[in-house]
Amino acid sequence: MRKGTTKVTLEDGSKITQFEHKWGIDAIRLAQIEEVTPDAIHMRVQLYGTPFQRRKKLTLWEEQYGKTLGAMALEEGLHPITLANKHYKLGSVFAKTDQRFARGKHTKVDWWNQPRYKRMIKSTYFTLEDIL
């Protein structure tokens, strides 16, 4: 018999696997929920000591916000890179953006919108009759 396939008898007489007895969910069912193989779930237990930990070390986003960057991006309706830029520029992913950051790295006023250049730029609209 393979290791981990022995059944544990509960008080009510039902039998469950050792994995389900220890972790509260069967490895096959957990693998179906997370769309991985049961072997991947067993490798998590072997490597990290728990089937729920997916990597050795938590990411910056998981440490600070308790969620992955992708999960936060889905919640906010923004691209993950946009959230990362907000985090690095404003200090928080959930901070309200200033108008300076709404257009990316552009922080200066356009030169053609400044008052001293308004008189130099004159729009020239003419019709076909004016040309002929």
N, C-alpha and C. Protein backbone atom coordinates (compact mmCIF):
# COMPACT_ATOMS: atom_id res chain seq x y z
N MET A 1 0.82 -1.18 0.00
CA MET A 1 0.00 0.00 0.00
C MET A 1 0.88 1.25 0.00
N ARG A 2 0.50 2.23 -0.79
CA ARG A 2 1.28 3.45 -0.85
C ARG A 2 1.11 4.26 0.42
N LYS A 3 2.12 5.06 0.71
CA LYS A 3 2.08 5.92 1.89
C LYS A 3 1.00 6.99 1.70
N GLY A 4 0.19 7.20 2.74
CA GLY A 4 -0.84 8.22 2.69
C GLY A 4 -2.17 7.73 2.16
N THR A 5 -2.25 6.49 1.70
CA THR A 5 -3.51 5.99 1.16
C THR A 5 -4.30 5.22 2.21
N THR A 6 -3.74 5.01 3.38
CA THR A 6 -4.49 4.30 4.40
C THR A 6 -5.61 5.19 4.90
N LYS A 7 -6.69 4.54 5.29
CA LYS A 7 -7.87 5.28 5.73
C LYS A 7 -7.86 5.43 7.25
N VAL A 8 -8.45 6.53 7.69
CA VAL A 8 -8.62 6.79 9.11
C VAL A 8 -10.11 6.66 9.41
N THR A 9 -10.42 5.89 10.43
CA THR A 9 -11.82 5.71 10.81
C THR A 9 -12.22 6.78 11.82
N LEU A 10 -13.29 7.48 11.51
CA LEU A 10 -13.79 8.53 12.40
C LEU A 10 -14.74 7.93 13.44
N GLU A 11 -15.19 8.73 14.39
CA GLU A 11 -16.06 8.27 15.45
C GLU A 11 -17.40 7.78 14.93
N ASP A 12 -17.87 8.40 13.85
CA ASP A 12 -19.17 8.00 13.30
C ASP A 12 -19.07 6.77 12.41
N GLY A 13 -17.87 6.24 12.23
CA GLY A 13 -17.67 5.03 11.44
C GLY A 13 -17.24 5.27 10.01
N SER A 14 -17.26 6.53 9.54
CA SER A 14 -16.84 6.81 8.17
C SER A 14 -15.32 6.81 8.08
N LYS A 15 -14.83 6.53 6.88
CA LYS A 15 -13.38 6.46 6.66
C LYS A 15 -12.96 7.57 5.71
N ILE A 16 -11.88 8.24 6.06
CA ILE A 16 -11.30 9.28 5.21
C ILE A 16 -9.80 9.03 5.11
N THR A 17 -9.14 9.68 4.15
CA THR A 17 -7.70 9.49 3.99
C THR A 17 -6.95 10.22 5.09
N GLN A 18 -5.69 9.86 5.27
CA GLN A 18 -4.86 10.53 6.27
C GLN A 18 -4.69 12.01 5.93
N PHE A 19 -4.56 12.29 4.64
CA PHE A 19 -4.40 13.68 4.19
C PHE A 19 -5.61 14.51 4.58
N GLU A 20 -6.80 13.97 4.31
CA GLU A 20 -8.03 14.69 4.63
C GLU A 20 -8.21 14.84 6.14
N HIS A 21 -7.78 13.82 6.89
CA HIS A 21 -7.87 13.89 8.34
C HIS A 21 -6.97 14.98 8.89
N LYS A 22 -5.76 15.12 8.31
CA LYS A 22 -4.81 16.10 8.81
C LYS A 22 -5.12 17.52 8.35
N TRP A 23 -5.50 17.70 7.06
CA TRP A 23 -5.65 19.03 6.49
C TRP A 23 -7.10 19.49 6.32
N GLY A 24 -8.05 18.60 6.48
CA GLY A 24 -9.45 18.99 6.40
C GLY A 24 -10.04 18.96 5.01
N ILE A 25 -9.24 18.67 4.01
CA ILE A 25 -9.72 18.58 2.62
C ILE A 25 -8.90 17.52 1.91
N ASP A 26 -9.55 16.79 1.02
CA ASP A 26 -8.85 15.75 0.28
C ASP A 26 -7.92 16.37 -0.75
N ALA A 27 -6.79 15.73 -1.01
CA ALA A 27 -5.79 16.25 -1.95
C ALA A 27 -6.35 16.36 -3.36
N ILE A 28 -7.17 15.39 -3.75
CA ILE A 28 -7.73 15.41 -5.10
C ILE A 28 -8.71 16.58 -5.24
N ARG A 29 -9.55 16.79 -4.23
CA ARG A 29 -10.51 17.89 -4.28
C ARG A 29 -9.79 19.25 -4.27
N LEU A 30 -8.75 19.38 -3.45
CA LEU A 30 -7.97 20.63 -3.42
C LEU A 30 -7.28 20.88 -4.76
N ALA A 31 -6.78 19.80 -5.37
CA ALA A 31 -6.13 19.93 -6.68
C ALA A 31 -7.13 20.38 -7.75
N GLN A 32 -8.35 19.88 -7.68
CA GLN A 32 -9.37 20.30 -8.64
C GLN A 32 -9.74 21.77 -8.45
N ILE A 33 -9.81 22.22 -7.19
CA ILE A 33 -10.14 23.61 -6.92
C ILE A 33 -9.07 24.54 -7.47
N GLU A 34 -7.80 24.18 -7.26
CA GLU A 34 -6.70 25.03 -7.68
C GLU A 34 -6.20 24.73 -9.09
N GLU A 35 -6.83 23.77 -9.76
CA GLU A 35 -6.50 23.40 -11.14
C GLU A 35 -5.05 22.97 -11.30
N VAL A 36 -4.59 22.13 -10.39
CA VAL A 36 -3.26 21.51 -10.46
C VAL A 36 -3.45 20.02 -10.24
N THR A 37 -2.36 19.28 -10.29
CA THR A 37 -2.45 17.83 -10.07
C THR A 37 -2.34 17.53 -8.59
N PRO A 38 -2.86 16.39 -8.15
CA PRO A 38 -2.70 16.00 -6.74
C PRO A 38 -1.23 15.84 -6.34
N ASP A 39 -0.39 15.47 -7.31
CA ASP A 39 1.04 15.36 -7.01
C ASP A 39 1.63 16.71 -6.61
N ALA A 40 1.14 17.78 -7.23
CA ALA A 40 1.62 19.12 -6.87
C ALA A 40 1.22 19.46 -5.44
N ILE A 41 0.04 19.04 -5.04
CA ILE A 41 -0.41 19.29 -3.66
C ILE A 41 0.47 18.52 -2.67
N HIS A 42 0.78 17.27 -3.00
CA HIS A 42 1.64 16.47 -2.13
C HIS A 42 3.06 17.02 -2.08
N MET A 43 3.54 17.60 -3.20
CA MET A 43 4.87 18.21 -3.21
C MET A 43 4.90 19.46 -2.32
N ARG A 44 3.80 20.20 -2.28
CA ARG A 44 3.74 21.36 -1.38
C ARG A 44 3.90 20.92 0.07
N VAL A 45 3.24 19.82 0.42
CA VAL A 45 3.35 19.32 1.79
C VAL A 45 4.78 18.89 2.07
N GLN A 46 5.41 18.24 1.10
CA GLN A 46 6.78 17.77 1.29
C GLN A 46 7.76 18.95 1.37
N LEU A 47 7.58 19.96 0.54
CA LEU A 47 8.53 21.08 0.50
C LEU A 47 8.28 22.12 1.60
N TYR A 48 7.01 22.48 1.79
CA TYR A 48 6.70 23.61 2.66
C TYR A 48 5.98 23.23 3.95
N GLY A 49 5.53 21.99 4.06
CA GLY A 49 4.86 21.54 5.28
C GLY A 49 3.36 21.79 5.31
N THR A 50 2.82 22.40 4.28
CA THR A 50 1.38 22.65 4.21
C THR A 50 0.94 22.62 2.73
N PRO A 51 -0.26 22.14 2.44
CA PRO A 51 -0.70 22.11 1.05
C PRO A 51 -1.18 23.46 0.54
N PHE A 52 -1.29 24.45 1.41
CA PHE A 52 -1.85 25.73 1.02
C PHE A 52 -0.79 26.76 0.66
N GLN A 53 0.47 26.49 0.95
CA GLN A 53 1.55 27.43 0.62
C GLN A 53 2.09 27.08 -0.76
N ARG A 54 2.08 28.05 -1.67
CA ARG A 54 2.44 27.79 -3.06
C ARG A 54 3.88 28.10 -3.40
N ARG A 55 4.54 28.91 -2.59
CA ARG A 55 5.93 29.25 -2.85
C ARG A 55 6.68 29.32 -1.54
N LYS A 56 8.00 29.31 -1.66
CA LYS A 56 8.83 29.26 -0.46
C LYS A 56 8.72 30.54 0.36
N LYS A 57 8.73 31.67 -0.32
CA LYS A 57 8.71 32.95 0.35
C LYS A 57 7.56 33.78 -0.19
N LEU A 58 6.91 34.55 0.66
CA LEU A 58 5.82 35.40 0.21
C LEU A 58 6.35 36.55 -0.64
N THR A 59 5.55 36.98 -1.60
CA THR A 59 5.94 38.12 -2.42
C THR A 59 5.69 39.40 -1.63
N LEU A 60 6.19 40.51 -2.16
CA LEU A 60 5.99 41.81 -1.54
C LEU A 60 4.51 42.12 -1.39
N TRP A 61 3.73 41.77 -2.40
CA TRP A 61 2.31 42.07 -2.41
C TRP A 61 1.58 41.23 -1.37
N GLU A 62 1.96 39.97 -1.25
CA GLU A 62 1.31 39.10 -0.27
C GLU A 62 1.67 39.51 1.16
N GLU A 63 2.88 40.01 1.37
CA GLU A 63 3.27 40.47 2.70
C GLU A 63 2.51 41.73 3.10
N GLN A 64 2.42 42.70 2.18
CA GLN A 64 1.82 43.98 2.53
C GLN A 64 0.30 43.97 2.48
N TYR A 65 -0.26 43.33 1.46
CA TYR A 65 -1.70 43.43 1.25
C TYR A 65 -2.45 42.12 1.48
N GLY A 66 -1.72 41.01 1.62
CA GLY A 66 -2.37 39.72 1.85
C GLY A 66 -2.96 39.10 0.60
N LYS A 67 -2.67 39.68 -0.57
CA LYS A 67 -3.17 39.17 -1.84
C LYS A 67 -2.06 39.25 -2.87
N THR A 68 -2.20 38.48 -3.93
CA THR A 68 -1.23 38.58 -5.01
C THR A 68 -1.53 39.83 -5.85
N LEU A 69 -0.56 40.22 -6.62
CA LEU A 69 -0.72 41.40 -7.48
C LEU A 69 -1.83 41.16 -8.50
N GLY A 70 -1.90 39.96 -9.04
CA GLY A 70 -2.95 39.64 -10.01
C GLY A 70 -4.34 39.71 -9.41
N ALA A 71 -4.49 39.24 -8.17
CA ALA A 71 -5.80 39.29 -7.52
C ALA A 71 -6.23 40.73 -7.25
N MET A 72 -5.29 41.57 -6.83
CA MET A 72 -5.61 42.98 -6.60
C MET A 72 -5.95 43.68 -7.90
N ALA A 73 -5.26 43.31 -8.98
CA ALA A 73 -5.53 43.93 -10.28
C ALA A 73 -6.95 43.59 -10.74
N LEU A 74 -7.37 42.35 -10.51
CA LEU A 74 -8.74 41.99 -10.89
C LEU A 74 -9.76 42.75 -10.05
N GLU A 75 -9.50 42.93 -8.77
CA GLU A 75 -10.42 43.67 -7.91
C GLU A 75 -10.53 45.14 -8.32
N GLU A 76 -9.39 45.75 -8.61
CA GLU A 76 -9.38 47.18 -8.93
C GLU A 76 -9.76 47.46 -10.38
N GLY A 77 -9.67 46.43 -11.24
CA GLY A 77 -9.97 46.63 -12.65
C GLY A 77 -8.85 47.33 -13.39
N LEU A 78 -7.62 47.21 -12.89
CA LEU A 78 -6.46 47.84 -13.51
C LEU A 78 -5.44 46.78 -13.90
N HIS A 79 -4.48 47.17 -14.71
CA HIS A 79 -3.39 46.28 -15.10
C HIS A 79 -2.43 46.12 -13.92
N PRO A 80 -1.82 44.94 -13.73
CA PRO A 80 -0.87 44.75 -12.62
C PRO A 80 0.30 45.74 -12.63
N ILE A 81 0.77 46.13 -13.81
CA ILE A 81 1.88 47.08 -13.89
C ILE A 81 1.42 48.46 -13.40
N THR A 82 0.18 48.82 -13.68
CA THR A 82 -0.36 50.08 -13.18
C THR A 82 -0.38 50.08 -11.66
N LEU A 83 -0.80 48.97 -11.07
CA LEU A 83 -0.82 48.88 -9.61
C LEU A 83 0.59 48.94 -9.04
N ALA A 84 1.54 48.28 -9.70
CA ALA A 84 2.92 48.33 -9.22
C ALA A 84 3.47 49.75 -9.28
N ASN A 85 3.16 50.48 -10.35
CA ASN A 85 3.61 51.87 -10.46
C ASN A 85 2.98 52.74 -9.37
N LYS A 86 1.70 52.52 -9.09
CA LYS A 86 1.05 53.28 -8.01
C LYS A 86 1.71 52.98 -6.67
N HIS A 87 2.08 51.73 -6.47
CA HIS A 87 2.73 51.35 -5.21
C HIS A 87 4.08 52.05 -5.06
N TYR A 88 4.87 52.05 -6.12
CA TYR A 88 6.20 52.63 -6.03
C TYR A 88 6.17 54.15 -6.01
N LYS A 89 5.22 54.77 -6.74
CA LYS A 89 5.18 56.23 -6.80
C LYS A 89 4.41 56.86 -5.65
N LEU A 90 3.29 56.24 -5.25
CA LEU A 90 2.43 56.84 -4.24
C LEU A 90 2.52 56.16 -2.88
N GLY A 91 3.15 55.00 -2.82
CA GLY A 91 3.31 54.31 -1.54
C GLY A 91 2.22 53.32 -1.23
N SER A 92 1.13 53.32 -1.97
CA SER A 92 0.04 52.39 -1.73
C SER A 92 -0.67 52.11 -3.04
N VAL A 93 -1.14 50.90 -3.17
CA VAL A 93 -1.88 50.52 -4.37
C VAL A 93 -3.25 51.19 -4.39
N PHE A 94 -3.80 51.45 -3.22
CA PHE A 94 -5.15 51.98 -3.13
C PHE A 94 -5.20 53.50 -3.00
N ALA A 95 -4.06 54.17 -3.11
CA ALA A 95 -4.01 55.63 -3.01
C ALA A 95 -4.68 56.25 -4.24
N LYS A 96 -5.30 57.40 -4.02
CA LYS A 96 -5.91 58.12 -5.13
C LYS A 96 -4.81 58.73 -5.98
N THR A 97 -4.96 58.62 -7.28
CA THR A 97 -3.92 59.12 -8.17
C THR A 97 -4.04 60.62 -8.35
N ASP A 98 -2.90 61.25 -8.45
CA ASP A 98 -2.84 62.68 -8.74
C ASP A 98 -2.91 62.83 -10.26
N GLN A 99 -3.26 64.01 -10.72
CA GLN A 99 -3.35 64.23 -12.16
C GLN A 99 -2.00 64.02 -12.84
N ARG A 100 -0.91 64.26 -12.11
CA ARG A 100 0.42 64.08 -12.71
C ARG A 100 0.64 62.65 -13.15
N PHE A 101 0.10 61.69 -12.37
CA PHE A 101 0.35 60.29 -12.67
C PHE A 101 -0.72 59.69 -13.57
N ALA A 102 -1.76 60.44 -13.86
CA ALA A 102 -2.83 59.91 -14.67
C ALA A 102 -2.37 59.67 -16.11
N ARG A 103 -1.35 60.40 -16.54
CA ARG A 103 -0.87 60.26 -17.91
C ARG A 103 0.50 59.62 -17.96
N GLY A 104 0.85 58.79 -17.01
CA GLY A 104 2.14 58.13 -17.02
C GLY A 104 3.22 59.00 -16.43
N LYS A 105 4.37 59.09 -17.11
CA LYS A 105 5.51 59.84 -16.60
C LYS A 105 5.42 61.33 -16.91
N HIS A 106 4.43 61.73 -17.63
CA HIS A 106 4.30 63.11 -18.07
C HIS A 106 3.92 63.99 -16.89
N THR A 107 4.80 64.90 -16.47
CA THR A 107 4.52 65.76 -15.32
C THR A 107 4.54 67.23 -15.69
N LYS A 108 5.00 67.59 -16.86
CA LYS A 108 5.08 69.00 -17.25
C LYS A 108 3.84 69.40 -18.04
N VAL A 109 3.57 70.68 -18.03
CA VAL A 109 2.48 71.21 -18.84
C VAL A 109 2.96 71.29 -20.28
N ASP A 110 2.08 70.97 -21.20
CA ASP A 110 2.45 71.03 -22.61
C ASP A 110 2.82 72.46 -22.98
N TRP A 111 3.90 72.63 -23.72
CA TRP A 111 4.38 73.97 -24.04
C TRP A 111 3.39 74.75 -24.87
N TRP A 112 2.63 74.09 -25.71
CA TRP A 112 1.71 74.81 -26.58
C TRP A 112 0.45 75.26 -25.82
N ASN A 113 0.25 74.78 -24.59
CA ASN A 113 -0.88 75.23 -23.78
C ASN A 113 -0.51 76.37 -22.84
N GLN A 114 0.75 76.76 -22.82
CA GLN A 114 1.15 77.86 -21.95
C GLN A 114 0.72 79.19 -22.59
N PRO A 115 0.37 80.19 -21.76
CA PRO A 115 -0.18 81.45 -22.29
C PRO A 115 0.76 82.19 -23.23
N ARG A 116 2.07 82.15 -23.01
CA ARG A 116 2.97 82.94 -23.86
C ARG A 116 3.05 82.39 -25.27
N TYR A 117 2.72 81.13 -25.47
CA TYR A 117 2.76 80.56 -26.82
C TYR A 117 1.39 80.58 -27.50
N LYS A 118 0.36 80.93 -26.78
CA LYS A 118 -0.98 80.93 -27.37
C LYS A 118 -1.09 81.94 -28.51
N ARG A 119 -0.44 83.08 -28.37
CA ARG A 119 -0.55 84.08 -29.44
C ARG A 119 0.25 83.68 -30.67
N MET A 120 1.28 82.82 -30.50
CA MET A 120 2.08 82.40 -31.65
C MET A 120 1.36 81.35 -32.48
N ILE A 121 0.58 80.53 -31.83
CA ILE A 121 -0.10 79.44 -32.53
C ILE A 121 -1.51 79.89 -32.85
N LYS A 122 -1.76 80.09 -34.10
CA LYS A 122 -3.09 80.50 -34.53
C LYS A 122 -3.63 79.39 -35.43
N SER A 123 -4.81 79.01 -35.13
CA SER A 123 -5.40 77.96 -35.95
C SER A 123 -5.81 78.55 -37.28
N THR A 124 -5.52 77.85 -38.32
CA THR A 124 -5.86 78.33 -39.66
C THR A 124 -6.91 77.41 -40.24
N TYR A 125 -8.12 77.87 -40.21
CA TYR A 125 -9.21 77.13 -40.82
C TYR A 125 -9.67 77.88 -42.05
N PHE A 126 -9.72 77.21 -43.13
CA PHE A 126 -10.23 77.86 -44.34
C PHE A 126 -10.99 76.82 -45.14
N THR A 127 -11.82 77.33 -45.96
CA THR A 127 -12.67 76.47 -46.78
C THR A 127 -12.08 76.34 -48.18
N LEU A 128 -12.69 75.52 -48.94
CA LEU A 128 -12.22 75.29 -50.29
C LEU A 128 -12.34 76.56 -51.15
N GLU A 129 -13.36 77.40 -50.90
CA GLU A 129 -13.54 78.64 -51.66
C GLU A 129 -12.41 79.62 -51.39
N ASP A 130 -11.85 79.60 -50.17
CA ASP A 130 -10.74 80.51 -49.87
C ASP A 130 -9.49 80.16 -50.66
N ILE A 131 -9.29 78.91 -50.95
CA ILE A 131 -8.10 78.48 -51.69
C ILE A 131 -8.25 78.78 -53.17
N LEU A 132 -9.43 78.56 -53.71
CA LEU A 132 -9.63 78.70 -55.16
C LEU A 132 -9.86 80.10 -55.58
